[in-house]
Amino acid sequence: MKTGSTNVEEKINEIKEQTELYVNEIKKMVEGLIIPDTVNIISYFTSSFNISYDSEQESLCLGSFHIRNIGNQPLTNPYLCIKLPEDSPFSFSGRYVYEHFKQNLKGPTSWERINDKSSNEEFWLKPLEKTSLEPNETLSFSNFQIKWSHNLSYSGTIMGFTYCDQLKEGVAVLNPINLNGISRGQEDENE
């Protein structure tokens, strides 16, 4: 009987050695792989709405703009643009500062508006104390508001774009915010 169990033990040892050889070969192959440097991001909005059909009240979109580095390289000097449609009834507000603001008004999570403050359609923003976005890291411009009145029909798309030193052409958000509605007065006329 010993010969049978010895035979099995020899087979097991033989398979173990073969497995170790395969594992070592696979390790060598993986170590030899050259993974190309990739710069890749996704940017997207999260939002919630409070829509009023009363012409005396405003409707509201609360949103956040998120930038996620899904590449394997850090992104340097990230910034974003939130763009409202031309001549739209939408107004934008958010927590951002201007360059000339006092230092005590600028916090570690502050964003600075870097375009002309008289523009009501484009809001170019950069984080004040965040100059790089590491792989698998997310950067967010949180709690902006878009308001509009329902006394007029409205239609438009809120666009977002992300830029950095590596992506000078910009990357559009995955999910622009589409807002469309007809005022009660126009609904009654159409009936």
Protein backbone atom coordinates (compact mmCIF):
# COMPACT_ATOMS: atom_id res chain seq x y z
CA MET A 1 0.00 0.00 0.00
CA LYS A 2 2.90 2.32 0.58
CA THR A 3 3.72 2.34 -3.08
CA GLY A 4 0.27 3.65 -3.97
CA SER A 5 0.43 6.52 -1.49
CA THR A 6 4.00 7.28 -2.53
CA ASN A 7 2.82 7.41 -6.12
CA VAL A 8 0.09 9.91 -5.20
CA GLU A 9 2.53 12.03 -3.17
CA GLU A 10 4.98 12.08 -6.08
CA LYS A 11 2.20 13.18 -8.44
CA ILE A 12 1.13 15.92 -6.02
CA ASN A 13 4.72 17.16 -5.69
CA GLU A 14 5.14 17.05 -9.45
CA ILE A 15 1.97 19.13 -9.94
CA LYS A 16 3.10 21.60 -7.23
CA GLU A 17 6.45 22.09 -8.97
CA GLN A 18 4.74 22.54 -12.33
CA THR A 19 2.32 25.08 -10.81
CA GLU A 20 5.21 27.02 -9.25
CA LEU A 21 6.95 27.14 -12.64
CA TYR A 22 3.77 28.44 -14.31
CA VAL A 23 3.22 31.06 -11.59
CA ASN A 24 6.83 32.26 -11.89
CA GLU A 25 6.52 32.48 -15.67
CA ILE A 26 3.28 34.47 -15.37
CA LYS A 27 4.92 36.83 -12.84
CA LYS A 28 7.82 37.44 -15.25
CA MET A 29 5.38 38.15 -18.08
CA VAL A 30 3.33 40.60 -15.96
CA GLU A 31 6.46 42.41 -14.79
CA GLY A 32 7.55 42.74 -18.41
CA LEU A 33 4.28 44.35 -19.49
CA ILE A 34 4.53 47.98 -20.41
CA ILE A 35 1.33 49.75 -19.44
CA PRO A 36 1.03 52.93 -21.48
CA ASP A 37 0.45 56.19 -19.65
CA THR A 38 -3.17 57.17 -20.10
CA VAL A 39 -4.87 60.44 -19.37
CA ASN A 40 -8.57 59.83 -19.05
CA ILE A 41 -11.36 61.51 -17.13
CA ILE A 42 -15.09 61.43 -16.84
CA SER A 43 -17.07 64.42 -15.71
CA TYR A 44 -20.74 64.45 -14.85
CA PHE A 45 -23.50 66.34 -13.07
CA THR A 46 -25.59 65.17 -10.16
CA SER A 47 -28.75 67.19 -9.65
CA SER A 48 -32.12 67.46 -8.02
CA PHE A 49 -35.05 69.66 -8.99
CA ASN A 50 -37.83 71.62 -7.36
CA ILE A 51 -40.12 72.58 -10.24
CA SER A 52 -42.92 75.04 -9.58
CA TYR A 53 -45.81 75.60 -11.96
CA ASP A 54 -46.89 78.69 -10.05
CA SER A 55 -45.82 81.76 -12.04
CA GLU A 56 -45.10 83.56 -8.76
CA GLN A 57 -42.48 81.04 -7.66
CA GLU A 58 -39.09 80.10 -9.04
CA SER A 59 -38.04 76.63 -10.05
CA LEU A 60 -34.70 75.37 -8.84
CA CYS A 61 -32.03 72.88 -9.87
CA LEU A 62 -29.45 72.02 -7.21
CA GLY A 63 -26.40 70.42 -8.74
CA SER A 64 -22.82 69.35 -8.39
CA PHE A 65 -20.15 68.95 -11.07
CA HIS A 66 -17.82 65.97 -10.57
CA ILE A 67 -14.50 65.24 -12.26
CA ARG A 68 -13.06 61.73 -11.87
CA ASN A 69 -9.56 60.78 -13.02
CA ILE A 70 -9.92 57.27 -14.49
CA GLY A 71 -6.48 57.29 -16.11
CA ASN A 72 -3.20 56.19 -14.56
CA GLN A 73 -1.54 59.61 -14.57
CA PRO A 74 -2.17 62.68 -12.39
CA LEU A 75 -4.00 65.57 -14.06
CA THR A 76 -2.52 68.99 -13.39
CA ASN A 77 -4.31 72.32 -13.03
CA PRO A 78 -7.89 71.09 -13.49
CA TYR A 79 -10.66 73.62 -14.14
CA LEU A 80 -14.20 73.52 -15.45
CA CYS A 81 -16.77 75.51 -17.37
CA ILE A 82 -20.51 75.45 -16.77
CA LYS A 83 -22.32 76.94 -19.74
CA LEU A 84 -25.92 78.13 -19.79
CA PRO A 85 -27.79 78.61 -23.08
CA GLU A 86 -27.72 82.08 -24.66
CA ASP A 87 -30.64 84.36 -23.78
CA SER A 88 -32.12 81.77 -21.43
CA PRO A 89 -34.28 82.51 -18.38
CA PHE A 90 -31.83 80.53 -16.22
CA SER A 91 -29.65 82.16 -13.58
CA PHE A 92 -26.63 80.44 -12.04
CA SER A 93 -25.18 80.81 -8.57
CA GLY A 94 -22.67 78.83 -6.59
CA ARG A 95 -20.01 78.99 -3.94
CA TYR A 96 -17.03 80.56 -5.64
CA VAL A 97 -14.75 83.52 -5.04
CA TYR A 98 -12.91 86.03 -7.19
CA GLU A 99 -9.16 86.62 -7.23
CA HIS A 100 -9.43 89.97 -5.39
CA PHE A 101 -11.39 88.48 -2.43
CA LYS A 102 -9.72 88.57 0.96
CA GLN A 103 -7.74 85.49 1.87
CA ASN A 104 -10.00 84.69 4.85
CA LEU A 105 -12.92 84.22 2.43
CA LYS A 106 -10.96 81.60 0.50
CA GLY A 107 -10.99 78.14 2.06
CA PRO A 108 -9.30 74.85 1.19
CA THR A 109 -12.33 73.70 -0.79
CA SER A 110 -12.96 77.06 -2.48
CA TRP A 111 -13.31 77.54 -6.19
CA GLU A 112 -12.33 80.73 -8.00
CA ARG A 113 -14.16 82.17 -10.98
CA ILE A 114 -11.54 82.90 -13.64
CA ASN A 115 -13.59 84.49 -16.41
CA ASP A 116 -15.35 87.85 -16.72
CA LYS A 117 -17.81 88.14 -13.86
CA SER A 118 -20.27 90.04 -16.06
CA SER A 119 -20.87 86.91 -18.14
CA ASN A 120 -24.18 85.28 -17.23
CA GLU A 121 -23.72 82.35 -19.59
CA GLU A 122 -20.27 80.92 -18.87
CA PHE A 123 -18.78 80.16 -15.47
CA TRP A 124 -15.11 79.15 -15.62
CA LEU A 125 -13.98 77.83 -12.24
CA LYS A 126 -10.78 76.40 -10.81
CA PRO A 127 -10.15 74.87 -7.38
CA LEU A 128 -7.96 77.16 -5.27
CA GLU A 129 -5.88 74.64 -3.39
CA LYS A 130 -6.06 71.61 -5.68
CA THR A 131 -3.51 71.68 -8.48
CA SER A 132 -3.51 68.00 -9.34
CA LEU A 133 -6.03 65.20 -9.54
CA GLU A 134 -4.51 61.79 -8.83
CA PRO A 135 -5.66 58.55 -10.52
CA ASN A 136 -9.00 57.31 -9.10
CA GLU A 137 -9.56 60.65 -7.35
CA THR A 138 -12.71 62.77 -7.74
CA LEU A 139 -12.93 66.56 -7.57
CA SER A 140 -16.34 68.22 -7.10
CA PHE A 141 -17.80 71.70 -7.45
CA SER A 142 -20.76 71.17 -5.14
CA ASN A 143 -24.15 72.76 -4.53
CA PHE A 144 -24.57 75.18 -7.40
CA GLN A 145 -28.06 76.47 -8.15
CA ILE A 146 -29.86 77.18 -11.39
CA LYS A 147 -33.08 79.15 -11.01
CA TRP A 148 -35.81 80.13 -13.45
CA SER A 149 -39.35 81.40 -13.40
CA HIS A 150 -42.23 79.46 -14.89
CA ASN A 151 -44.11 82.52 -16.16
CA LEU A 152 -42.38 81.98 -19.53
CA SER A 153 -41.76 78.81 -21.49
CA TYR A 154 -38.20 77.65 -21.16
CA SER A 155 -35.90 75.29 -22.95
CA GLY A 156 -32.18 74.81 -22.74
CA THR A 157 -29.26 72.58 -21.97
CA ILE A 158 -26.76 73.26 -19.21
CA MET A 159 -23.39 72.03 -20.48
CA GLY A 160 -20.22 71.31 -18.56
CA PHE A 161 -16.63 70.92 -19.71
CA THR A 162 -13.48 69.83 -17.89
CA TYR A 163 -9.99 71.03 -18.77
CA CYS A 164 -6.47 70.46 -17.45
CA ASP A 165 -2.89 70.79 -18.72
CA GLN A 166 -3.15 67.38 -20.39
CA LEU A 167 -6.61 67.99 -21.95
CA LYS A 168 -6.51 71.52 -23.34
CA GLU A 169 -9.42 70.83 -25.73
CA GLY A 170 -11.68 69.87 -22.83
CA VAL A 171 -14.00 66.96 -22.15
CA ALA A 172 -17.79 67.41 -22.05
CA VAL A 173 -19.89 66.08 -19.18
CA LEU A 174 -21.55 62.72 -19.72
CA ASN A 175 -25.00 64.03 -18.78
CA PRO A 176 -25.85 67.64 -19.63
CA ILE A 177 -28.86 69.02 -17.77
CA ASN A 178 -31.83 69.50 -20.10
CA LEU A 179 -34.60 71.83 -18.92
CA ASN A 180 -37.83 72.26 -20.89
CA GLY A 181 -41.27 73.51 -19.93
CA ILE A 182 -44.30 75.37 -21.20
CA SER A 183 -45.93 78.11 -19.16
CA ARG A 184 -49.59 77.64 -18.12
CA GLY A 185 -50.61 80.54 -20.37
CA GLN A 186 -49.19 78.82 -23.43
CA GLU A 187 -50.70 75.47 -22.40
CA ASP A 188 -54.15 77.09 -22.32
CA GLU A 189 -53.59 78.72 -25.74
CA ASN A 190 -52.59 75.37 -27.27
CA GLU A 191 -55.78 73.60 -26.15
